[in-house]
Amino acid sequence: MPPKPSPNYLAGYPTALLAQVRQLLDQGKLAELLQRKYPLTHDVRTDKALYDYVQAIKNEYLGNVGQLSKVAYDSKLHVIKNALGTHTAISRVQGGNLKSKREIRIAAMFREMPPEFLRMIVVHELAHMKEREHGKAFYQLCMHMEPDYAQLEFDLRAYLTCLEADGR
């Protein structure tokens, strides 16, 4: 039997917590636990639906931060490279005007995930519109937009660990 991959998605978490995840994974109970906790999938399947979904959250919490030019699912984003989503801001001079373009791309795997995980990654990428670095202010903004952000991030990381262990 080949050894199970290490839970690198959970790097930085306390050792005791990692041991619990590893035990659940080894016992084959982690997937079942996450399935019970997050039984539903969302219906935000198209790029247009995703744009509308992201725009609604942005308007509720970050109305004055600027417009989004594009929001899309991206099949080229790979979790292995630690990119579940990206936020880019490009400024260009056109004539005498400064044009700004902001895009959010979400890994295509989120089409099939529970709605809580989609919201968590959207909140994360939207927070980058206001706070570039993963600092205290960034995570406070994430928690403002999604009070369960920290738990959802951990559960998503456990979910990804489970997927990796299953070879998916």
C-alpha atoms as a PDB file:
ATOM      1  CA  MET A   1       0.000   0.000   0.000  1.00  0.00           C
ATOM      2  CA  PRO A   2       1.554   3.347  -1.033  1.00  0.00           C
ATOM      3  CA  PRO A   3       1.981   5.941   1.718  1.00  0.00           C
ATOM      4  CA  LYS A   4      -0.656   8.636   1.887  1.00  0.00           C
ATOM      5  CA  PRO A   5       0.475  12.128   0.907  1.00  0.00           C
ATOM      6  CA  SER A   6       1.249  14.531   3.691  1.00  0.00           C
ATOM      7  CA  PRO A   7      -1.447  17.119   4.388  1.00  0.00           C
ATOM      8  CA  ASN A   8       0.517  20.050   2.980  1.00  0.00           C
ATOM      9  CA  TYR A   9      -2.695  22.072   2.616  1.00  0.00           C
ATOM     10  CA  LEU A  10      -2.747  22.133   6.402  1.00  0.00           C
ATOM     11  CA  ALA A  11       0.803  23.372   6.918  1.00  0.00           C
ATOM     12  CA  GLY A  12       0.974  25.904   9.709  1.00  0.00           C
ATOM     13  CA  TYR A  13      -1.874  24.448  11.753  1.00  0.00           C
ATOM     14  CA  PRO A  14      -1.173  23.022  15.239  1.00  0.00           C
ATOM     15  CA  THR A  15       0.295  19.524  15.354  1.00  0.00           C
ATOM     16  CA  ALA A  16      -2.599  18.158  17.419  1.00  0.00           C
ATOM     17  CA  LEU A  17      -5.089  19.330  14.811  1.00  0.00           C
ATOM     18  CA  LEU A  18      -3.014  17.794  12.020  1.00  0.00           C
ATOM     19  CA  ALA A  19      -2.955  14.509  13.941  1.00  0.00           C
ATOM     20  CA  GLN A  20      -6.769  14.537  14.164  1.00  0.00           C
ATOM     21  CA  VAL A  21      -7.087  15.139  10.424  1.00  0.00           C
ATOM     22  CA  ARG A  22      -4.525  12.432   9.681  1.00  0.00           C
ATOM     23  CA  GLN A  23      -6.367   9.962  11.937  1.00  0.00           C
ATOM     24  CA  LEU A  24      -9.724  10.694  10.260  1.00  0.00           C
ATOM     25  CA  LEU A  25      -8.087  10.375   6.854  1.00  0.00           C
ATOM     26  CA  ASP A  26      -6.390   7.073   7.736  1.00  0.00           C
ATOM     27  CA  GLN A  27      -9.686   5.705   9.080  1.00  0.00           C
ATOM     28  CA  GLY A  28     -11.510   6.792   5.918  1.00  0.00           C
ATOM     29  CA  LYS A  29     -13.827   9.040   7.928  1.00  0.00           C
ATOM     30  CA  LEU A  30     -12.703  12.502   6.800  1.00  0.00           C
ATOM     31  CA  ALA A  31     -14.667  12.472   3.531  1.00  0.00           C
ATOM     32  CA  GLU A  32     -17.810  11.276   5.317  1.00  0.00           C
ATOM     33  CA  LEU A  33     -17.487  13.964   7.990  1.00  0.00           C
ATOM     34  CA  LEU A  34     -17.051  16.731   5.408  1.00  0.00           C
ATOM     35  CA  GLN A  35     -19.924  15.362   3.299  1.00  0.00           C
ATOM     36  CA  ARG A  36     -22.233  15.480   6.319  1.00  0.00           C
ATOM     37  CA  LYS A  37     -21.114  19.009   7.207  1.00  0.00           C
ATOM     38  CA  TYR A  38     -21.338  20.317   3.610  1.00  0.00           C
ATOM     39  CA  PRO A  39     -23.944  18.179   1.808  1.00  0.00           C
ATOM     40  CA  LEU A  40     -25.032  20.675  -0.847  1.00  0.00           C
ATOM     41  CA  THR A  41     -23.532  22.018  -4.041  1.00  0.00           C
ATOM     42  CA  HIS A  42     -24.281  25.456  -5.445  1.00  0.00           C
ATOM     43  CA  ASP A  43     -25.835  26.455  -8.737  1.00  0.00           C
ATOM     44  CA  VAL A  44     -23.242  29.105  -9.687  1.00  0.00           C
ATOM     45  CA  ARG A  45     -21.994  27.161 -12.715  1.00  0.00           C
ATOM     46  CA  THR A  46     -21.334  29.734 -15.441  1.00  0.00           C
ATOM     47  CA  ASP A  47     -18.920  32.644 -15.576  1.00  0.00           C
ATOM     48  CA  LYS A  48     -21.895  35.034 -15.844  1.00  0.00           C
ATOM     49  CA  ALA A  49     -23.501  33.548 -12.741  1.00  0.00           C
ATOM     50  CA  LEU A  50     -20.151  33.735 -10.951  1.00  0.00           C
ATOM     51  CA  TYR A  51     -19.722  37.389 -11.933  1.00  0.00           C
ATOM     52  CA  ASP A  52     -23.204  38.209 -10.587  1.00  0.00           C
ATOM     53  CA  TYR A  53     -22.510  36.253  -7.386  1.00  0.00           C
ATOM     54  CA  VAL A  54     -19.174  37.996  -6.766  1.00  0.00           C
ATOM     55  CA  GLN A  55     -20.608  41.400  -7.673  1.00  0.00           C
ATOM     56  CA  ALA A  56     -23.444  40.976  -5.141  1.00  0.00           C
ATOM     57  CA  ILE A  57     -20.991  40.207  -2.318  1.00  0.00           C
ATOM     58  CA  LYS A  58     -18.694  43.043  -3.430  1.00  0.00           C
ATOM     59  CA  ASN A  59     -21.561  45.535  -3.519  1.00  0.00           C
ATOM     60  CA  GLU A  60     -22.685  44.513  -0.044  1.00  0.00           C
ATOM     61  CA  TYR A  61     -19.277  44.846   1.621  1.00  0.00           C
ATOM     62  CA  LEU A  62     -16.893  46.713  -0.707  1.00  0.00           C
ATOM     63  CA  GLY A  63     -19.085  48.995  -2.781  1.00  0.00           C
ATOM     64  CA  ASN A  64     -16.538  51.812  -3.078  1.00  0.00           C
ATOM     65  CA  VAL A  65     -13.450  49.732  -3.944  1.00  0.00           C
ATOM     66  CA  GLY A  66     -13.806  49.845  -7.732  1.00  0.00           C
ATOM     67  CA  GLN A  67     -15.320  47.851 -10.544  1.00  0.00           C
ATOM     68  CA  LEU A  68     -14.502  44.322 -11.582  1.00  0.00           C
ATOM     69  CA  SER A  69     -13.812  43.905 -15.286  1.00  0.00           C
ATOM     70  CA  LYS A  70     -14.024  40.129 -15.251  1.00  0.00           C
ATOM     71  CA  VAL A  71     -14.846  37.241 -12.968  1.00  0.00           C
ATOM     72  CA  ALA A  72     -14.433  33.726 -14.297  1.00  0.00           C
ATOM     73  CA  TYR A  73     -13.795  30.113 -13.480  1.00  0.00           C
ATOM     74  CA  ASP A  74     -10.309  29.188 -14.649  1.00  0.00           C
ATOM     75  CA  SER A  75      -9.423  25.596 -15.457  1.00  0.00           C
ATOM     76  CA  LYS A  76      -5.732  26.546 -15.651  1.00  0.00           C
ATOM     77  CA  LEU A  77      -5.518  27.400 -11.962  1.00  0.00           C
ATOM     78  CA  HIS A  78      -4.155  24.376 -10.200  1.00  0.00           C
ATOM     79  CA  VAL A  79      -4.522  23.765  -6.518  1.00  0.00           C
ATOM     80  CA  ILE A  80      -1.110  22.095  -6.551  1.00  0.00           C
ATOM     81  CA  LYS A  81       0.442  25.496  -7.207  1.00  0.00           C
ATOM     82  CA  ASN A  82      -1.473  26.894  -4.201  1.00  0.00           C
ATOM     83  CA  ALA A  83      -3.741  28.986  -6.414  1.00  0.00           C
ATOM     84  CA  LEU A  84      -7.409  28.473  -5.666  1.00  0.00           C
ATOM     85  CA  GLY A  85      -8.177  31.908  -7.006  1.00  0.00           C
ATOM     86  CA  THR A  86      -6.390  34.993  -8.224  1.00  0.00           C
ATOM     87  CA  HIS A  87      -7.015  38.695  -8.139  1.00  0.00           C
ATOM     88  CA  THR A  88      -5.237  40.933 -10.616  1.00  0.00           C
ATOM     89  CA  ALA A  89      -5.232  44.678 -11.009  1.00  0.00           C
ATOM     90  CA  ILE A  90      -3.706  46.216 -14.109  1.00  0.00           C
ATOM     91  CA  SER A  91      -3.417  49.950 -14.732  1.00  0.00           C
ATOM     92  CA  ARG A  92      -2.659  51.376 -18.164  1.00  0.00           C
ATOM     93  CA  VAL A  93      -2.327  54.856 -19.534  1.00  0.00           C
ATOM     94  CA  GLN A  94      -4.598  55.458 -22.515  1.00  0.00           C
ATOM     95  CA  GLY A  95      -4.106  58.951 -23.838  1.00  0.00           C
ATOM     96  CA  GLY A  96      -4.497  61.239 -20.878  1.00  0.00           C
ATOM     97  CA  ASN A  97      -6.497  58.736 -18.840  1.00  0.00           C
ATOM     98  CA  LEU A  98      -5.458  56.002 -16.463  1.00  0.00           C
ATOM     99  CA  LYS A  99      -7.508  52.840 -17.099  1.00  0.00           C
ATOM    100  CA  SER A 100      -7.743  50.248 -14.371  1.00  0.00           C
ATOM    101  CA  LYS A 101      -8.786  46.651 -14.939  1.00  0.00           C
ATOM    102  CA  ARG A 102      -9.505  44.202 -12.121  1.00  0.00           C
ATOM    103  CA  GLU A 103     -10.104  40.495 -12.570  1.00  0.00           C
ATOM    104  CA  ILE A 104     -10.916  37.639 -10.263  1.00  0.00           C
ATOM    105  CA  ARG A 105     -10.362  34.077 -11.394  1.00  0.00           C
ATOM    106  CA  ILE A 106     -11.595  31.126  -9.365  1.00  0.00           C
ATOM    107  CA  ALA A 107     -10.288  27.582  -9.865  1.00  0.00           C
ATOM    108  CA  ALA A 108     -12.765  25.588 -11.961  1.00  0.00           C
ATOM    109  CA  MET A 109     -12.945  22.896  -9.269  1.00  0.00           C
ATOM    110  CA  PHE A 110     -15.148  25.297  -7.260  1.00  0.00           C
ATOM    111  CA  ARG A 111     -18.005  24.690  -9.729  1.00  0.00           C
ATOM    112  CA  GLU A 112     -18.591  21.376  -7.986  1.00  0.00           C
ATOM    113  CA  MET A 113     -17.884  22.357  -4.381  1.00  0.00           C
ATOM    114  CA  PRO A 114     -20.212  23.237  -1.529  1.00  0.00           C
ATOM    115  CA  PRO A 115     -21.539  26.815  -1.595  1.00  0.00           C
ATOM    116  CA  GLU A 116     -19.696  27.642   1.629  1.00  0.00           C
ATOM    117  CA  PHE A 117     -16.332  26.926  -0.003  1.00  0.00           C
ATOM    118  CA  LEU A 118     -17.188  29.028  -3.056  1.00  0.00           C
ATOM    119  CA  ARG A 119     -18.169  31.924  -0.806  1.00  0.00           C
ATOM    120  CA  MET A 120     -14.953  31.557   1.209  1.00  0.00           C
ATOM    121  CA  ILE A 121     -12.717  31.761  -1.866  1.00  0.00           C
ATOM    122  CA  VAL A 122     -14.732  34.663  -3.314  1.00  0.00           C
ATOM    123  CA  VAL A 123     -14.485  36.559  -0.019  1.00  0.00           C
ATOM    124  CA  HIS A 124     -10.737  35.874   0.025  1.00  0.00           C
ATOM    125  CA  GLU A 125     -10.225  37.246  -3.487  1.00  0.00           C
ATOM    126  CA  LEU A 126     -12.494  40.241  -2.868  1.00  0.00           C
ATOM    127  CA  ALA A 127     -10.523  41.106   0.275  1.00  0.00           C
ATOM    128  CA  HIS A 128      -7.451  41.438  -1.955  1.00  0.00           C
ATOM    129  CA  MET A 129      -9.180  44.362  -3.680  1.00  0.00           C
ATOM    130  CA  LYS A 130      -8.735  46.331  -0.478  1.00  0.00           C
ATOM    131  CA  GLU A 131      -5.824  44.599   1.255  1.00  0.00           C
ATOM    132  CA  ARG A 132      -3.038  43.201  -0.932  1.00  0.00           C
ATOM    133  CA  GLU A 133      -1.129  41.238   1.724  1.00  0.00           C
ATOM    134  CA  HIS A 134      -2.330  38.404   3.964  1.00  0.00           C
ATOM    135  CA  GLY A 135      -2.024  40.433   7.136  1.00  0.00           C
ATOM    136  CA  LYS A 136      -4.214  41.124  10.130  1.00  0.00           C
ATOM    137  CA  ALA A 137      -6.354  43.692   8.281  1.00  0.00           C
ATOM    138  CA  PHE A 138      -6.850  41.257   5.400  1.00  0.00           C
ATOM    139  CA  TYR A 139      -8.176  38.483   7.647  1.00  0.00           C
ATOM    140  CA  GLN A 140     -10.333  40.923   9.619  1.00  0.00           C
ATOM    141  CA  LEU A 141     -11.940  41.983   6.340  1.00  0.00           C
ATOM    142  CA  CYS A 142     -12.491  38.335   5.381  1.00  0.00           C
ATOM    143  CA  MET A 143     -14.128  37.700   8.779  1.00  0.00           C
ATOM    144  CA  HIS A 144     -16.299  40.805   8.309  1.00  0.00           C
ATOM    145  CA  MET A 145     -17.597  39.496   4.971  1.00  0.00           C
ATOM    146  CA  GLU A 146     -17.841  35.862   6.163  1.00  0.00           C
ATOM    147  CA  PRO A 147     -17.905  35.380   9.954  1.00  0.00           C
ATOM    148  CA  ASP A 148     -17.085  31.648   9.587  1.00  0.00           C
ATOM    149  CA  TYR A 149     -14.133  32.384   7.291  1.00  0.00           C
ATOM    150  CA  ALA A 150     -11.448  30.756   9.464  1.00  0.00           C
ATOM    151  CA  GLN A 151     -13.440  27.528   9.917  1.00  0.00           C
ATOM    152  CA  LEU A 152     -14.344  27.410   6.235  1.00  0.00           C
ATOM    153  CA  GLU A 153     -10.709  27.879   5.245  1.00  0.00           C
ATOM    154  CA  PHE A 154      -9.645  25.017   7.499  1.00  0.00           C
ATOM    155  CA  ASP A 155     -12.452  22.768   6.256  1.00  0.00           C
ATOM    156  CA  LEU A 156     -11.567  23.563   2.652  1.00  0.00           C
ATOM    157  CA  ARG A 157      -7.953  22.654   3.333  1.00  0.00           C
ATOM    158  CA  ALA A 158      -9.087  19.386   4.927  1.00  0.00           C
ATOM    159  CA  TYR A 159     -11.329  18.771   1.911  1.00  0.00           C
ATOM    160  CA  LEU A 160      -8.406  19.335  -0.472  1.00  0.00           C
ATOM    161  CA  THR A 161      -6.238  17.019   1.619  1.00  0.00           C
ATOM    162  CA  CYS A 162      -8.932  14.379   1.349  1.00  0.00           C
ATOM    163  CA  LEU A 163      -9.190  14.832  -2.423  1.00  0.00           C
ATOM    164  CA  GLU A 164      -5.428  14.551  -2.800  1.00  0.00           C
ATOM    165  CA  ALA A 165      -5.321  11.403  -0.685  1.00  0.00           C
ATOM    166  CA  ASP A 166      -8.023   9.848  -2.877  1.00  0.00           C
ATOM    167  CA  GLY A 167      -5.989  10.723  -5.966  1.00  0.00           C
ATOM    168  CA  ARG A 168      -8.562  13.142  -7.412  1.00  0.00           C
END
